[in-house]
Amino acid sequence: MQMNLIQGQFEKNDALHLITQFVHAKIRYHEDKIAQSANEEDIKMRENRIKELQRDLYELRQSLQHQDRALSLQAKIDIDGI
């Protein structure tokens, strides 16, 4: 099964807002899992993933800084096992 979450053309600020919301949701997910975990290895992996997401979002913001045209976004989730 596949869910189509985002598909279309967006102005820079709208595109960045959508992406930021998705990244923040993923960060909150990892933070919740960290709060529930006692496994040091799992916590470290999730902390590294949070840092990676933050870094990727920062780099995206930097690259879009001088962008003036609309952006095409597509976000899909493939769900196996259904």
N, C-alpha and C. Protein backbone atom coordinates (compact mmCIF):
# COMPACT_ATOMS: atom_id res chain seq x y z
N MET A 1 0.85 -1.18 0.00
CA MET A 1 0.00 0.00 0.00
C MET A 1 0.89 1.23 0.00
N GLN A 2 0.37 2.29 -0.60
CA GLN A 2 1.13 3.53 -0.65
C GLN A 2 0.23 4.70 -0.27
N MET A 3 0.73 5.57 0.58
CA MET A 3 0.01 6.81 0.94
C MET A 3 0.73 7.97 0.30
N ASN A 4 0.00 8.81 -0.40
CA ASN A 4 0.55 9.99 -1.02
C ASN A 4 0.30 11.16 -0.07
N LEU A 5 1.34 11.64 0.61
CA LEU A 5 1.17 12.68 1.62
C LEU A 5 1.25 14.08 1.05
N ILE A 6 2.16 14.31 0.15
CA ILE A 6 2.33 15.64 -0.46
C ILE A 6 2.60 15.44 -1.94
N GLN A 7 1.92 16.24 -2.74
CA GLN A 7 2.20 16.21 -4.17
C GLN A 7 1.74 17.53 -4.76
N GLY A 8 2.69 18.28 -5.32
CA GLY A 8 2.31 19.52 -5.97
C GLY A 8 3.40 20.56 -5.96
N GLN A 9 3.02 21.74 -6.44
CA GLN A 9 3.91 22.90 -6.50
C GLN A 9 3.63 23.78 -5.29
N PHE A 10 4.68 24.26 -4.65
CA PHE A 10 4.53 25.10 -3.47
C PHE A 10 5.52 26.25 -3.53
N GLU A 11 5.08 27.40 -3.05
CA GLU A 11 6.00 28.52 -2.89
C GLU A 11 7.05 28.12 -1.85
N LYS A 12 8.20 28.75 -1.91
CA LYS A 12 9.33 28.38 -1.04
C LYS A 12 8.92 28.32 0.42
N ASN A 13 8.26 29.35 0.92
CA ASN A 13 7.91 29.38 2.35
C ASN A 13 6.93 28.28 2.73
N ASP A 14 5.96 28.01 1.84
CA ASP A 14 5.01 26.93 2.12
C ASP A 14 5.69 25.57 2.08
N ALA A 15 6.57 25.37 1.13
CA ALA A 15 7.31 24.11 1.03
C ALA A 15 8.17 23.90 2.28
N LEU A 16 8.87 24.94 2.68
CA LEU A 16 9.72 24.84 3.86
C LEU A 16 8.89 24.58 5.10
N HIS A 17 7.74 25.21 5.19
CA HIS A 17 6.86 25.00 6.34
C HIS A 17 6.40 23.53 6.41
N LEU A 18 5.96 22.99 5.29
CA LEU A 18 5.52 21.59 5.26
C LEU A 18 6.65 20.64 5.65
N ILE A 19 7.80 20.83 5.08
CA ILE A 19 8.95 19.97 5.37
C ILE A 19 9.34 20.09 6.84
N THR A 20 9.36 21.31 7.34
CA THR A 20 9.71 21.54 8.75
C THR A 20 8.74 20.82 9.67
N GLN A 21 7.45 20.86 9.36
CA GLN A 21 6.46 20.17 10.19
C GLN A 21 6.68 18.66 10.19
N PHE A 22 7.00 18.10 9.03
CA PHE A 22 7.29 16.66 8.96
C PHE A 22 8.54 16.31 9.78
N VAL A 23 9.59 17.11 9.65
CA VAL A 23 10.83 16.86 10.39
C VAL A 23 10.58 16.98 11.90
N HIS A 24 9.85 17.99 12.31
CA HIS A 24 9.57 18.16 13.74
C HIS A 24 8.73 17.00 14.29
N ALA A 25 7.80 16.50 13.49
CA ALA A 25 7.01 15.33 13.92
C ALA A 25 7.92 14.12 14.11
N LYS A 26 8.87 13.93 13.20
CA LYS A 26 9.80 12.80 13.31
C LYS A 26 10.72 12.96 14.52
N ILE A 27 11.15 14.19 14.78
CA ILE A 27 11.99 14.44 15.95
C ILE A 27 11.21 14.15 17.23
N ARG A 28 9.95 14.61 17.31
CA ARG A 28 9.12 14.33 18.48
C ARG A 28 8.94 12.83 18.68
N TYR A 29 8.78 12.10 17.58
CA TYR A 29 8.66 10.64 17.66
C TYR A 29 9.89 10.04 18.33
N HIS A 30 11.08 10.45 17.87
CA HIS A 30 12.31 9.91 18.46
C HIS A 30 12.48 10.36 19.91
N GLU A 31 12.10 11.58 20.22
CA GLU A 31 12.20 12.05 21.61
C GLU A 31 11.28 11.25 22.53
N ASP A 32 10.08 10.94 22.06
CA ASP A 32 9.16 10.11 22.85
C ASP A 32 9.74 8.72 23.08
N LYS A 33 10.34 8.15 22.04
CA LYS A 33 10.94 6.82 22.17
C LYS A 33 12.13 6.85 23.14
N ILE A 34 12.92 7.92 23.09
CA ILE A 34 14.05 8.07 24.02
C ILE A 34 13.53 8.11 25.46
N ALA A 35 12.46 8.86 25.69
CA ALA A 35 11.90 8.99 27.04
C ALA A 35 11.41 7.65 27.58
N GLN A 36 11.01 6.75 26.70
CA GLN A 36 10.48 5.45 27.11
C GLN A 36 11.55 4.36 27.17
N SER A 37 12.74 4.65 26.69
CA SER A 37 13.75 3.61 26.54
C SER A 37 14.78 3.64 27.66
N ALA A 38 15.24 2.45 28.02
CA ALA A 38 16.35 2.32 28.96
C ALA A 38 17.58 1.76 28.24
N ASN A 39 17.44 1.47 26.98
CA ASN A 39 18.50 0.87 26.19
C ASN A 39 19.42 1.97 25.65
N GLU A 40 20.66 2.00 26.16
CA GLU A 40 21.62 3.04 25.78
C GLU A 40 21.91 3.07 24.28
N GLU A 41 21.99 1.91 23.68
CA GLU A 41 22.28 1.83 22.25
C GLU A 41 21.14 2.44 21.43
N ASP A 42 19.92 2.12 21.82
CA ASP A 42 18.75 2.67 21.15
C ASP A 42 18.69 4.19 21.32
N ILE A 43 18.95 4.66 22.52
CA ILE A 43 18.93 6.10 22.80
C ILE A 43 19.98 6.81 21.94
N LYS A 44 21.17 6.27 21.89
CA LYS A 44 22.25 6.87 21.10
C LYS A 44 21.88 6.93 19.62
N MET A 45 21.30 5.84 19.11
CA MET A 45 20.89 5.79 17.71
C MET A 45 19.84 6.87 17.43
N ARG A 46 18.89 7.02 18.31
CA ARG A 46 17.83 8.01 18.13
C ARG A 46 18.36 9.44 18.27
N GLU A 47 19.28 9.66 19.17
CA GLU A 47 19.90 10.98 19.30
C GLU A 47 20.66 11.34 18.02
N ASN A 48 21.36 10.38 17.47
CA ASN A 48 22.07 10.61 16.21
C ASN A 48 21.10 10.90 15.07
N ARG A 49 19.98 10.20 15.04
CA ARG A 49 18.98 10.44 13.99
C ARG A 49 18.38 11.84 14.13
N ILE A 50 18.13 12.29 15.36
CA ILE A 50 17.62 13.64 15.59
C ILE A 50 18.62 14.68 15.08
N LYS A 51 19.88 14.49 15.39
CA LYS A 51 20.91 15.41 14.91
C LYS A 51 20.97 15.43 13.39
N GLU A 52 20.84 14.26 12.77
CA GLU A 52 20.86 14.16 11.31
C GLU A 52 19.67 14.91 10.70
N LEU A 53 18.49 14.73 11.28
CA LEU A 53 17.31 15.44 10.79
C LEU A 53 17.48 16.96 10.93
N GLN A 54 18.01 17.39 12.07
CA GLN A 54 18.23 18.82 12.29
C GLN A 54 19.24 19.38 11.30
N ARG A 55 20.30 18.63 11.05
CA ARG A 55 21.32 19.05 10.09
C ARG A 55 20.75 19.14 8.68
N ASP A 56 19.98 18.13 8.29
CA ASP A 56 19.37 18.14 6.96
C ASP A 56 18.41 19.31 6.78
N LEU A 57 17.64 19.62 7.82
CA LEU A 57 16.71 20.75 7.74
C LEU A 57 17.47 22.06 7.64
N TYR A 58 18.55 22.19 8.40
CA TYR A 58 19.39 23.39 8.32
C TYR A 58 19.96 23.56 6.91
N GLU A 59 20.47 22.48 6.36
CA GLU A 59 21.05 22.54 5.01
C GLU A 59 19.99 22.89 3.97
N LEU A 60 18.79 22.37 4.14
CA LEU A 60 17.71 22.71 3.22
C LEU A 60 17.38 24.20 3.31
N ARG A 61 17.28 24.71 4.52
CA ARG A 61 17.01 26.14 4.70
C ARG A 61 18.08 26.99 4.02
N GLN A 62 19.33 26.58 4.18
CA GLN A 62 20.43 27.33 3.56
C GLN A 62 20.33 27.29 2.04
N SER A 63 20.01 26.15 1.49
CA SER A 63 19.97 26.03 0.03
C SER A 63 18.75 26.75 -0.56
N LEU A 64 17.69 26.91 0.21
CA LEU A 64 16.50 27.60 -0.27
C LEU A 64 16.54 29.11 -0.05
N GLN A 65 17.55 29.57 0.64
CA GLN A 65 17.63 30.97 1.03
C GLN A 65 17.46 31.92 -0.17
N HIS A 66 18.05 31.59 -1.29
CA HIS A 66 18.01 32.48 -2.45
C HIS A 66 17.11 31.93 -3.56
N GLN A 67 16.29 30.97 -3.23
CA GLN A 67 15.37 30.38 -4.19
C GLN A 67 14.14 31.27 -4.34
N ASP A 68 13.75 31.56 -5.56
CA ASP A 68 12.60 32.43 -5.79
C ASP A 68 11.42 31.74 -6.47
N ARG A 69 11.65 30.62 -7.08
CA ARG A 69 10.57 29.97 -7.83
C ARG A 69 9.88 28.90 -6.98
N ALA A 70 8.71 28.48 -7.45
CA ALA A 70 7.96 27.45 -6.76
C ALA A 70 8.73 26.13 -6.79
N LEU A 71 8.47 25.32 -5.81
CA LEU A 71 9.15 24.02 -5.69
C LEU A 71 8.14 22.90 -5.86
N SER A 72 8.57 21.84 -6.45
CA SER A 72 7.74 20.65 -6.60
C SER A 72 8.08 19.68 -5.47
N LEU A 73 7.08 19.31 -4.70
CA LEU A 73 7.27 18.37 -3.59
C LEU A 73 6.44 17.12 -3.82
N GLN A 74 7.04 15.98 -3.48
CA GLN A 74 6.34 14.70 -3.48
C GLN A 74 6.81 13.94 -2.26
N ALA A 75 5.87 13.49 -1.46
CA ALA A 75 6.20 12.67 -0.29
C ALA A 75 5.23 11.51 -0.25
N LYS A 76 5.78 10.32 -0.29
CA LYS A 76 4.98 9.10 -0.26
C LYS A 76 5.50 8.17 0.81
N ILE A 77 4.60 7.39 1.36
CA ILE A 77 4.98 6.34 2.31
C ILE A 77 4.58 5.02 1.70
N ASP A 78 5.54 4.12 1.56
CA ASP A 78 5.26 2.76 1.11
C ASP A 78 5.07 1.89 2.35
N ILE A 79 3.95 1.22 2.42
CA ILE A 79 3.64 0.37 3.57
C ILE A 79 3.61 -1.07 3.10
N ASP A 80 4.53 -1.87 3.62
CA ASP A 80 4.61 -3.29 3.28
C ASP A 80 3.87 -4.11 4.32
N GLY A 81 3.38 -5.24 3.94
CA GLY A 81 2.78 -6.15 4.88
C GLY A 81 1.26 -6.03 4.98
N ILE A 82 0.68 -5.17 4.17
CA ILE A 82 -0.78 -5.03 4.20
C ILE A 82 -1.35 -5.77 3.01
